[in-house]
Amino acid sequence: MLAAGQRVRVKLDWPETRGPCHIRTPHYLRGRTGVVERHLGRFHNPEDLAFARAAAVLDLYHVRFDQPAIWGEGASGDAIVVEIFETWLEAA
C-alpha cells in the first residue's frame, strides 16, 4: 500500500489504443508526478466491471498534482486532487 506523502507517477499508458476499454484515469495526468494524499479504501476495478468481467479488488487513492504544472495556470500552491487506482501508479 502507498503511504500519504509518497511521490508517484501516473503510468504513461494508452490502453484505449489496444481496443475497447473503460478508463477512469484522466488522460491529462498520464506521465505526470503527484503526491499521495490518502488511501480511500479497496474497491473492485471499474475498468473491468464496465465490461462485466471479473474485477480485482484494488487500492484507491487521492493523489494531488500541482495545478500550474498540469494546466499552465493558477497560483503556486493550487492543486488538483484526483482519485486514482493503484494499477495506474508507480514510484516517482
PDB file of N, CA and C in Angstrom:
ATOM      1  N   MET A   1       0.849  -1.175   0.000  1.00  0.00           N
ATOM      2  CA  MET A   1       0.000   0.000   0.000  1.00  0.00           C
ATOM      3  C   MET A   1       0.896   1.239   0.000  1.00  0.00           C
ATOM      4  N   LEU A   2       0.465   2.264  -0.729  1.00  0.00           N
ATOM      5  CA  LEU A   2       1.202   3.518  -0.795  1.00  0.00           C
ATOM      6  C   LEU A   2       0.927   4.349   0.454  1.00  0.00           C
ATOM      7  N   ALA A   3       1.887   5.171   0.828  1.00  0.00           N
ATOM      8  CA  ALA A   3       1.758   5.991   2.030  1.00  0.00           C
ATOM      9  C   ALA A   3       1.447   7.440   1.664  1.00  0.00           C
ATOM     10  N   ALA A   4       0.705   8.112   2.524  1.00  0.00           N
ATOM     11  CA  ALA A   4       0.463   9.541   2.347  1.00  0.00           C
ATOM     12  C   ALA A   4       1.805  10.254   2.273  1.00  0.00           C
ATOM     13  N   GLY A   5       1.935  11.177   1.339  1.00  0.00           N
ATOM     14  CA  GLY A   5       3.175  11.910   1.148  1.00  0.00           C
ATOM     15  C   GLY A   5       4.115  11.292   0.131  1.00  0.00           C
ATOM     16  N   GLN A   6       3.824  10.075  -0.298  1.00  0.00           N
ATOM     17  CA  GLN A   6       4.692   9.392  -1.260  1.00  0.00           C
ATOM     18  C   GLN A   6       4.506   9.982  -2.655  1.00  0.00           C
ATOM     19  N   ARG A   7       5.629  10.255  -3.327  1.00  0.00           N
ATOM     20  CA  ARG A   7       5.578  10.758  -4.706  1.00  0.00           C
ATOM     21  C   ARG A   7       5.341   9.587  -5.648  1.00  0.00           C
ATOM     22  N   VAL A   8       4.398   9.780  -6.555  1.00  0.00           N
ATOM     23  CA  VAL A   8       4.044   8.751  -7.521  1.00  0.00           C
ATOM     24  C   VAL A   8       3.924   9.365  -8.910  1.00  0.00           C
ATOM     25  N   ARG A   9       4.023   8.514  -9.905  1.00  0.00           N
ATOM     26  CA  ARG A   9       3.825   8.926 -11.292  1.00  0.00           C
ATOM     27  C   ARG A   9       2.663   8.114 -11.847  1.00  0.00           C
ATOM     28  N   VAL A  10       1.808   8.784 -12.591  1.00  0.00           N
ATOM     29  CA  VAL A  10       0.732   8.088 -13.287  1.00  0.00           C
ATOM     30  C   VAL A  10       1.363   7.433 -14.510  1.00  0.00           C
ATOM     31  N   LYS A  11       1.099   6.155 -14.690  1.00  0.00           N
ATOM     32  CA  LYS A  11       1.706   5.432 -15.809  1.00  0.00           C
ATOM     33  C   LYS A  11       1.359   6.096 -17.132  1.00  0.00           C
ATOM     34  N   LEU A  12       2.346   6.151 -17.993  1.00  0.00           N
ATOM     35  CA  LEU A  12       2.167   6.698 -19.329  1.00  0.00           C
ATOM     36  C   LEU A  12       1.751   5.540 -20.229  1.00  0.00           C
ATOM     37  N   ASP A  13       0.469   5.211 -20.164  1.00  0.00           N
ATOM     38  CA  ASP A  13      -0.078   4.057 -20.877  1.00  0.00           C
ATOM     39  C   ASP A  13      -1.351   4.509 -21.585  1.00  0.00           C
ATOM     40  N   TRP A  14      -1.625   3.933 -22.724  1.00  0.00           N
ATOM     41  CA  TRP A  14      -2.794   4.284 -23.530  1.00  0.00           C
ATOM     42  C   TRP A  14      -3.539   3.006 -23.932  1.00  0.00           C
ATOM     43  N   PRO A  15      -4.188   2.329 -22.971  1.00  0.00           N
ATOM     44  CA  PRO A  15      -4.878   1.071 -23.291  1.00  0.00           C
ATOM     45  C   PRO A  15      -5.976   1.230 -24.336  1.00  0.00           C
ATOM     46  N   GLU A  16      -6.513   2.428 -24.482  1.00  0.00           N
ATOM     47  CA  GLU A  16      -7.560   2.636 -25.477  1.00  0.00           C
ATOM     48  C   GLU A  16      -7.053   2.436 -26.906  1.00  0.00           C
ATOM     49  N   THR A  17      -5.731   2.457 -27.099  1.00  0.00           N
ATOM     50  CA  THR A  17      -5.173   2.195 -28.429  1.00  0.00           C
ATOM     51  C   THR A  17      -5.127   0.698 -28.726  1.00  0.00           C
ATOM     52  N   ARG A  18      -5.385  -0.127 -27.700  1.00  0.00           N
ATOM     53  CA  ARG A  18      -5.328  -1.580 -27.866  1.00  0.00           C
ATOM     54  C   ARG A  18      -6.721  -2.190 -27.989  1.00  0.00           C
ATOM     55  N   GLY A  19      -7.755  -1.380 -27.994  1.00  0.00           N
ATOM     56  CA  GLY A  19      -9.108  -1.905 -28.136  1.00  0.00           C
ATOM     57  C   GLY A  19     -10.057  -1.251 -27.155  1.00  0.00           C
ATOM     58  N   PRO A  20     -11.308  -1.665 -27.203  1.00  0.00           N
ATOM     59  CA  PRO A  20     -12.311  -1.056 -26.324  1.00  0.00           C
ATOM     60  C   PRO A  20     -11.937  -1.215 -24.849  1.00  0.00           C
ATOM     61  N   CYS A  21     -12.116  -0.132 -24.106  1.00  0.00           N
ATOM     62  CA  CYS A  21     -11.812  -0.179 -22.683  1.00  0.00           C
ATOM     63  C   CYS A  21     -12.533   0.956 -21.976  1.00  0.00           C
ATOM     64  N   HIS A  22     -12.565   0.861 -20.666  1.00  0.00           N
ATOM     65  CA  HIS A  22     -13.127   1.910 -19.818  1.00  0.00           C
ATOM     66  C   HIS A  22     -11.995   2.368 -18.917  1.00  0.00           C
ATOM     67  N   ILE A  23     -11.703   3.671 -18.924  1.00  0.00           N
ATOM     68  CA  ILE A  23     -10.573   4.193 -18.157  1.00  0.00           C
ATOM     69  C   ILE A  23     -11.064   5.317 -17.257  1.00  0.00           C
ATOM     70  N   ARG A  24     -10.747   5.218 -15.968  1.00  0.00           N
ATOM     71  CA  ARG A  24     -11.133   6.254 -15.016  1.00  0.00           C
ATOM     72  C   ARG A  24     -10.016   7.264 -14.777  1.00  0.00           C
ATOM     73  N   THR A  25      -8.823   6.992 -15.285  1.00  0.00           N
ATOM     74  CA  THR A  25      -7.685   7.885 -15.054  1.00  0.00           C
ATOM     75  C   THR A  25      -7.645   8.944 -16.153  1.00  0.00           C
ATOM     76  N   PRO A  26      -7.698  10.233 -15.782  1.00  0.00           N
ATOM     77  CA  PRO A  26      -7.698  11.286 -16.801  1.00  0.00           C
ATOM     78  C   PRO A  26      -6.458  11.233 -17.691  1.00  0.00           C
ATOM     79  N   HIS A  27      -6.676  11.380 -18.985  1.00  0.00           N
ATOM     80  CA  HIS A  27      -5.547  11.301 -19.925  1.00  0.00           C
ATOM     81  C   HIS A  27      -4.518  12.392 -19.663  1.00  0.00           C
ATOM     82  N   TYR A  28      -4.945  13.571 -19.198  1.00  0.00           N
ATOM     83  CA  TYR A  28      -4.016  14.682 -18.999  1.00  0.00           C
ATOM     84  C   TYR A  28      -3.073  14.452 -17.817  1.00  0.00           C
ATOM     85  N   LEU A  29      -3.305  13.401 -17.028  1.00  0.00           N
ATOM     86  CA  LEU A  29      -2.411  13.097 -15.907  1.00  0.00           C
ATOM     87  C   LEU A  29      -1.420  11.987 -16.226  1.00  0.00           C
ATOM     88  N   ARG A  30      -1.579  11.315 -17.340  1.00  0.00           N
ATOM     89  CA  ARG A  30      -0.670  10.211 -17.666  1.00  0.00           C
ATOM     90  C   ARG A  30       0.745  10.731 -17.858  1.00  0.00           C
ATOM     91  N   GLY A  31       1.672  10.108 -17.140  1.00  0.00           N
ATOM     92  CA  GLY A  31       3.078  10.515 -17.164  1.00  0.00           C
ATOM     93  C   GLY A  31       3.410  11.628 -16.181  1.00  0.00           C
ATOM     94  N   ARG A  32       2.420  12.139 -15.471  1.00  0.00           N
ATOM     95  CA  ARG A  32       2.627  13.250 -14.529  1.00  0.00           C
ATOM     96  C   ARG A  32       2.934  12.727 -13.128  1.00  0.00           C
ATOM     97  N   THR A  33       3.637  13.537 -12.359  1.00  0.00           N
ATOM     98  CA  THR A  33       4.021  13.179 -10.995  1.00  0.00           C
ATOM     99  C   THR A  33       3.147  13.933  -9.997  1.00  0.00           C
ATOM    100  N   GLY A  34       2.717  13.204  -8.963  1.00  0.00           N
ATOM    101  CA  GLY A  34       1.919  13.794  -7.900  1.00  0.00           C
ATOM    102  C   GLY A  34       2.310  13.207  -6.558  1.00  0.00           C
ATOM    103  N   VAL A  35       1.518  13.529  -5.553  1.00  0.00           N
ATOM    104  CA  VAL A  35       1.779  13.072  -4.182  1.00  0.00           C
ATOM    105  C   VAL A  35       0.513  12.423  -3.641  1.00  0.00           C
ATOM    106  N   VAL A  36       0.670  11.242  -3.045  1.00  0.00           N
ATOM    107  CA  VAL A  36      -0.467  10.557  -2.439  1.00  0.00           C
ATOM    108  C   VAL A  36      -0.960  11.387  -1.258  1.00  0.00           C
ATOM    109  N   GLU A  37      -2.237  11.729  -1.281  1.00  0.00           N
ATOM    110  CA  GLU A  37      -2.863  12.457  -0.167  1.00  0.00           C
ATOM    111  C   GLU A  37      -3.364  11.472   0.880  1.00  0.00           C
ATOM    112  N   ARG A  38      -4.107  10.454   0.408  1.00  0.00           N
ATOM    113  CA  ARG A  38      -4.616   9.459   1.356  1.00  0.00           C
ATOM    114  C   ARG A  38      -5.168   8.254   0.618  1.00  0.00           C
ATOM    115  N   HIS A  39      -5.232   7.160   1.353  1.00  0.00           N
ATOM    116  CA  HIS A  39      -5.815   5.909   0.877  1.00  0.00           C
ATOM    117  C   HIS A  39      -7.321   5.996   1.096  1.00  0.00           C
ATOM    118  N   LEU A  40      -8.110   5.667   0.083  1.00  0.00           N
ATOM    119  CA  LEU A  40      -9.567   5.781   0.166  1.00  0.00           C
ATOM    120  C   LEU A  40     -10.266   4.460   0.454  1.00  0.00           C
ATOM    121  N   GLY A  41      -9.531   3.364   0.337  1.00  0.00           N
ATOM    122  CA  GLY A  41     -10.131   2.049   0.555  1.00  0.00           C
ATOM    123  C   GLY A  41      -9.822   1.126  -0.608  1.00  0.00           C
ATOM    124  N   ARG A  42     -10.470  -0.041  -0.579  1.00  0.00           N
ATOM    125  CA  ARG A  42     -10.270  -1.044  -1.623  1.00  0.00           C
ATOM    126  C   ARG A  42     -11.604  -1.289  -2.319  1.00  0.00           C
ATOM    127  N   PHE A  43     -11.565  -1.270  -3.650  1.00  0.00           N
ATOM    128  CA  PHE A  43     -12.779  -1.378  -4.447  1.00  0.00           C
ATOM    129  C   PHE A  43     -12.515  -2.249  -5.666  1.00  0.00           C
ATOM    130  N   HIS A  44     -13.582  -2.852  -6.187  1.00  0.00           N
ATOM    131  CA  HIS A  44     -13.459  -3.623  -7.429  1.00  0.00           C
ATOM    132  C   HIS A  44     -13.101  -2.670  -8.569  1.00  0.00           C
ATOM    133  N   ASN A  45     -12.232  -3.136  -9.446  1.00  0.00           N
ATOM    134  CA  ASN A  45     -11.730  -2.332 -10.551  1.00  0.00           C
ATOM    135  C   ASN A  45     -12.857  -2.001 -11.539  1.00  0.00           C
ATOM    136  N   PRO A  46     -13.262  -0.724 -11.636  1.00  0.00           N
ATOM    137  CA  PRO A  46     -14.348  -0.361 -12.546  1.00  0.00           C
ATOM    138  C   PRO A  46     -13.977  -0.524 -14.016  1.00  0.00           C
ATOM    139  N   GLU A  47     -12.680  -0.573 -14.313  1.00  0.00           N
ATOM    140  CA  GLU A  47     -12.258  -0.763 -15.695  1.00  0.00           C
ATOM    141  C   GLU A  47     -12.645  -2.165 -16.192  1.00  0.00           C
ATOM    142  N   ASP A  48     -12.762  -3.117 -15.279  1.00  0.00           N
ATOM    143  CA  ASP A  48     -13.251  -4.464 -15.625  1.00  0.00           C
ATOM    144  C   ASP A  48     -14.761  -4.556 -15.457  1.00  0.00           C
ATOM    145  N   LEU A  49     -15.282  -3.965 -14.403  1.00  0.00           N
ATOM    146  CA  LEU A  49     -16.722  -4.026 -14.147  1.00  0.00           C
ATOM    147  C   LEU A  49     -17.530  -3.455 -15.310  1.00  0.00           C
ATOM    148  N   ALA A  50     -16.989  -2.454 -15.998  1.00  0.00           N
ATOM    149  CA  ALA A  50     -17.689  -1.828 -17.126  1.00  0.00           C
ATOM    150  C   ALA A  50     -17.985  -2.821 -18.236  1.00  0.00           C
ATOM    151  N   PHE A  51     -17.206  -3.907 -18.291  1.00  0.00           N
ATOM    152  CA  PHE A  51     -17.389  -4.925 -19.327  1.00  0.00           C
ATOM    153  C   PHE A  51     -17.875  -6.249 -18.740  1.00  0.00           C
ATOM    154  N   ALA A  52     -18.394  -6.200 -17.509  1.00  0.00           N
ATOM    155  CA  ALA A  52     -18.916  -7.382 -16.822  1.00  0.00           C
ATOM    156  C   ALA A  52     -17.867  -8.481 -16.691  1.00  0.00           C
ATOM    157  N   ARG A  53     -16.604  -8.075 -16.547  1.00  0.00           N
ATOM    158  CA  ARG A  53     -15.520  -9.037 -16.328  1.00  0.00           C
ATOM    159  C   ARG A  53     -15.266  -9.164 -14.833  1.00  0.00           C
ATOM    160  N   ALA A  54     -14.673 -10.289 -14.443  1.00  0.00           N
ATOM    161  CA  ALA A  54     -14.250 -10.442 -13.051  1.00  0.00           C
ATOM    162  C   ALA A  54     -13.283  -9.301 -12.732  1.00  0.00           C
ATOM    163  N   ALA A  55     -13.497  -8.646 -11.593  1.00  0.00           N
ATOM    164  CA  ALA A  55     -12.711  -7.459 -11.266  1.00  0.00           C
ATOM    165  C   ALA A  55     -11.931  -7.652  -9.979  1.00  0.00           C
ATOM    166  N   ALA A  56     -10.635  -7.407 -10.077  1.00  0.00           N
ATOM    167  CA  ALA A  56      -9.776  -7.461  -8.892  1.00  0.00           C
ATOM    168  C   ALA A  56     -10.153  -6.338  -7.933  1.00  0.00           C
ATOM    169  N   VAL A  57      -9.874  -6.544  -6.658  1.00  0.00           N
ATOM    170  CA  VAL A  57     -10.068  -5.502  -5.659  1.00  0.00           C
ATOM    171  C   VAL A  57      -8.749  -4.736  -5.555  1.00  0.00           C
ATOM    172  N   LEU A  58      -8.828  -3.413  -5.766  1.00  0.00           N
ATOM    173  CA  LEU A  58      -7.635  -2.580  -5.828  1.00  0.00           C
ATOM    174  C   LEU A  58      -7.705  -1.435  -4.828  1.00  0.00           C
ATOM    175  N   ASP A  59      -6.544  -0.955  -4.421  1.00  0.00           N
ATOM    176  CA  ASP A  59      -6.468   0.217  -3.560  1.00  0.00           C
ATOM    177  C   ASP A  59      -6.727   1.466  -4.398  1.00  0.00           C
ATOM    178  N   LEU A  60      -7.498   2.387  -3.819  1.00  0.00           N
ATOM    179  CA  LEU A  60      -7.828   3.650  -4.463  1.00  0.00           C
ATOM    180  C   LEU A  60      -7.263   4.787  -3.616  1.00  0.00           C
ATOM    181  N   TYR A  61      -6.676   5.789  -4.274  1.00  0.00           N
ATOM    182  CA  TYR A  61      -6.001   6.879  -3.582  1.00  0.00           C
ATOM    183  C   TYR A  61      -6.465   8.239  -4.082  1.00  0.00           C
ATOM    184  N   HIS A  62      -6.393   9.233  -3.207  1.00  0.00           N
ATOM    185  CA  HIS A  62      -6.432  10.627  -3.621  1.00  0.00           C
ATOM    186  C   HIS A  62      -4.995  11.008  -3.904  1.00  0.00           C
ATOM    187  N   VAL A  63      -4.732  11.496  -5.116  1.00  0.00           N
ATOM    188  CA  VAL A  63      -3.389  11.938  -5.487  1.00  0.00           C
ATOM    189  C   VAL A  63      -3.476  13.418  -5.855  1.00  0.00           C
ATOM    190  N   ARG A  64      -2.572  14.209  -5.292  1.00  0.00           N
ATOM    191  CA  ARG A  64      -2.539  15.656  -5.506  1.00  0.00           C
ATOM    192  C   ARG A  64      -1.473  15.998  -6.540  1.00  0.00           C
ATOM    193  N   PHE A  65      -1.862  16.864  -7.484  1.00  0.00           N
ATOM    194  CA  PHE A  65      -0.967  17.329  -8.541  1.00  0.00           C
ATOM    195  C   PHE A  65      -0.902  18.853  -8.484  1.00  0.00           C
ATOM    196  N   ASP A  66       0.266  19.401  -8.778  1.00  0.00           N
ATOM    197  CA  ASP A  66       0.449  20.842  -8.836  1.00  0.00           C
ATOM    198  C   ASP A  66      -0.329  21.380 -10.042  1.00  0.00           C
ATOM    199  N   GLN A  67      -1.318  22.231  -9.794  1.00  0.00           N
ATOM    200  CA  GLN A  67      -2.177  22.723 -10.878  1.00  0.00           C
ATOM    201  C   GLN A  67      -1.408  23.481 -11.964  1.00  0.00           C
ATOM    202  N   PRO A  68      -0.523  24.434 -11.617  1.00  0.00           N
ATOM    203  CA  PRO A  68       0.183  25.144 -12.687  1.00  0.00           C
ATOM    204  C   PRO A  68       0.984  24.207 -13.601  1.00  0.00           C
ATOM    205  N   ALA A  69       1.526  23.134 -13.052  1.00  0.00           N
ATOM    206  CA  ALA A  69       2.295  22.191 -13.869  1.00  0.00           C
ATOM    207  C   ALA A  69       1.395  21.427 -14.850  1.00  0.00           C
ATOM    208  N   ILE A  70       0.142  21.210 -14.478  1.00  0.00           N
ATOM    209  CA  ILE A  70      -0.783  20.463 -15.331  1.00  0.00           C
ATOM    210  C   ILE A  70      -1.449  21.370 -16.358  1.00  0.00           C
ATOM    211  N   TRP A  71      -1.988  22.489 -15.898  1.00  0.00           N
ATOM    212  CA  TRP A  71      -2.803  23.355 -16.758  1.00  0.00           C
ATOM    213  C   TRP A  71      -2.072  24.595 -17.273  1.00  0.00           C
ATOM    214  N   GLY A  72      -0.878  24.886 -16.720  1.00  0.00           N
ATOM    215  CA  GLY A  72      -0.162  26.071 -17.155  1.00  0.00           C
ATOM    216  C   GLY A  72      -0.783  27.360 -16.634  1.00  0.00           C
ATOM    217  N   GLU A  73      -1.589  27.242 -15.600  1.00  0.00           N
ATOM    218  CA  GLU A  73      -2.201  28.426 -14.986  1.00  0.00           C
ATOM    219  C   GLU A  73      -2.481  28.131 -13.525  1.00  0.00           C
ATOM    220  N   GLY A  74      -2.761  29.183 -12.770  1.00  0.00           N
ATOM    221  CA  GLY A  74      -3.016  29.037 -11.344  1.00  0.00           C
ATOM    222  C   GLY A  74      -1.840  29.543 -10.541  1.00  0.00           C
ATOM    223  N   ALA A  75      -2.088  29.748  -9.273  1.00  0.00           N
ATOM    224  CA  ALA A  75      -1.063  30.264  -8.371  1.00  0.00           C
ATOM    225  C   ALA A  75      -0.275  29.124  -7.750  1.00  0.00           C
ATOM    226  N   SER A  76       0.908  29.435  -7.278  1.00  0.00           N
ATOM    227  CA  SER A  76       1.712  28.457  -6.553  1.00  0.00           C
ATOM    228  C   SER A  76       0.902  27.937  -5.374  1.00  0.00           C
ATOM    229  N   GLY A  77       0.850  26.656  -5.208  1.00  0.00           N
ATOM    230  CA  GLY A  77       0.081  26.029  -4.132  1.00  0.00           C
ATOM    231  C   GLY A  77      -1.283  25.542  -4.578  1.00  0.00           C
ATOM    232  N   ASP A  78      -1.759  25.988  -5.757  1.00  0.00           N
ATOM    233  CA  ASP A  78      -3.023  25.467  -6.282  1.00  0.00           C
ATOM    234  C   ASP A  78      -2.813  24.017  -6.683  1.00  0.00           C
ATOM    235  N   ALA A  79      -3.819  23.191  -6.432  1.00  0.00           N
ATOM    236  CA  ALA A  79      -3.664  21.756  -6.679  1.00  0.00           C
ATOM    237  C   ALA A  79      -4.914  21.158  -7.300  1.00  0.00           C
ATOM    238  N   ILE A  80      -4.710  20.024  -7.933  1.00  0.00           N
ATOM    239  CA  ILE A  80      -5.776  19.176  -8.450  1.00  0.00           C
ATOM    240  C   ILE A  80      -5.686  17.882  -7.649  1.00  0.00           C
ATOM    241  N   VAL A  81      -6.788  17.401  -7.100  1.00  0.00           N
ATOM    242  CA  VAL A  81      -6.805  16.130  -6.370  1.00  0.00           C
ATOM    243  C   VAL A  81      -7.721  15.179  -7.121  1.00  0.00           C
ATOM    244  N   VAL A  82      -7.190  14.000  -7.454  1.00  0.00           N
ATOM    245  CA  VAL A  82      -7.896  13.037  -8.290  1.00  0.00           C
ATOM    246  C   VAL A  82      -7.862  11.661  -7.630  1.00  0.00           C
ATOM    247  N   GLU A  83      -8.950  10.900  -7.774  1.00  0.00           N
ATOM    248  CA  GLU A  83      -8.989   9.507  -7.324  1.00  0.00           C
ATOM    249  C   GLU A  83      -8.355   8.640  -8.403  1.00  0.00           C
ATOM    250  N   ILE A  84      -7.325   7.868  -8.011  1.00  0.00           N
ATOM    251  CA  ILE A  84      -6.622   7.014  -8.967  1.00  0.00           C
ATOM    252  C   ILE A  84      -6.367   5.653  -8.326  1.00  0.00           C
ATOM    253  N   PHE A  85      -6.674   4.595  -9.081  1.00  0.00           N
ATOM    254  CA  PHE A  85      -6.420   3.235  -8.606  1.00  0.00           C
ATOM    255  C   PHE A  85      -4.937   2.902  -8.692  1.00  0.00           C
ATOM    256  N   GLU A  86      -4.507   2.005  -7.800  1.00  0.00           N
ATOM    257  CA  GLU A  86      -3.104   1.634  -7.679  1.00  0.00           C
ATOM    258  C   GLU A  86      -2.491   1.119  -8.977  1.00  0.00           C
ATOM    259  N   THR A  87      -3.260   0.482  -9.831  1.00  0.00           N
ATOM    260  CA  THR A  87      -2.705  -0.082 -11.058  1.00  0.00           C
ATOM    261  C   THR A  87      -2.193   0.991 -12.007  1.00  0.00           C
ATOM    262  N   TRP A  88      -2.609   2.231 -11.815  1.00  0.00           N
ATOM    263  CA  TRP A  88      -2.161   3.328 -12.660  1.00  0.00           C
ATOM    264  C   TRP A  88      -0.976   4.077 -12.063  1.00  0.00           C
ATOM    265  N   LEU A  89      -0.527   3.704 -10.873  1.00  0.00           N
ATOM    266  CA  LEU A  89       0.518   4.457 -10.188  1.00  0.00           C
ATOM    267  C   LEU A  89       1.826   3.670 -10.095  1.00  0.00           C
ATOM    268  N   GLU A  90       2.931   4.405 -10.189  1.00  0.00           N
ATOM    269  CA  GLU A  90       4.255   3.814  -9.998  1.00  0.00           C
ATOM    270  C   GLU A  90       5.094   4.794  -9.194  1.00  0.00           C
ATOM    271  N   ALA A  91       6.154   4.302  -8.583  1.00  0.00           N
ATOM    272  CA  ALA A  91       7.032   5.164  -7.788  1.00  0.00           C
ATOM    273  C   ALA A  91       7.648   6.241  -8.679  1.00  0.00           C
ATOM    274  N   ALA A  92       7.730   7.446  -8.147  1.00  0.00           N
ATOM    275  CA  ALA A  92       8.315   8.567  -8.920  1.00  0.00           C
ATOM    276  C   ALA A  92       9.787   8.720  -8.570  1.00  0.00           C
TER     277      ALA A  92
END
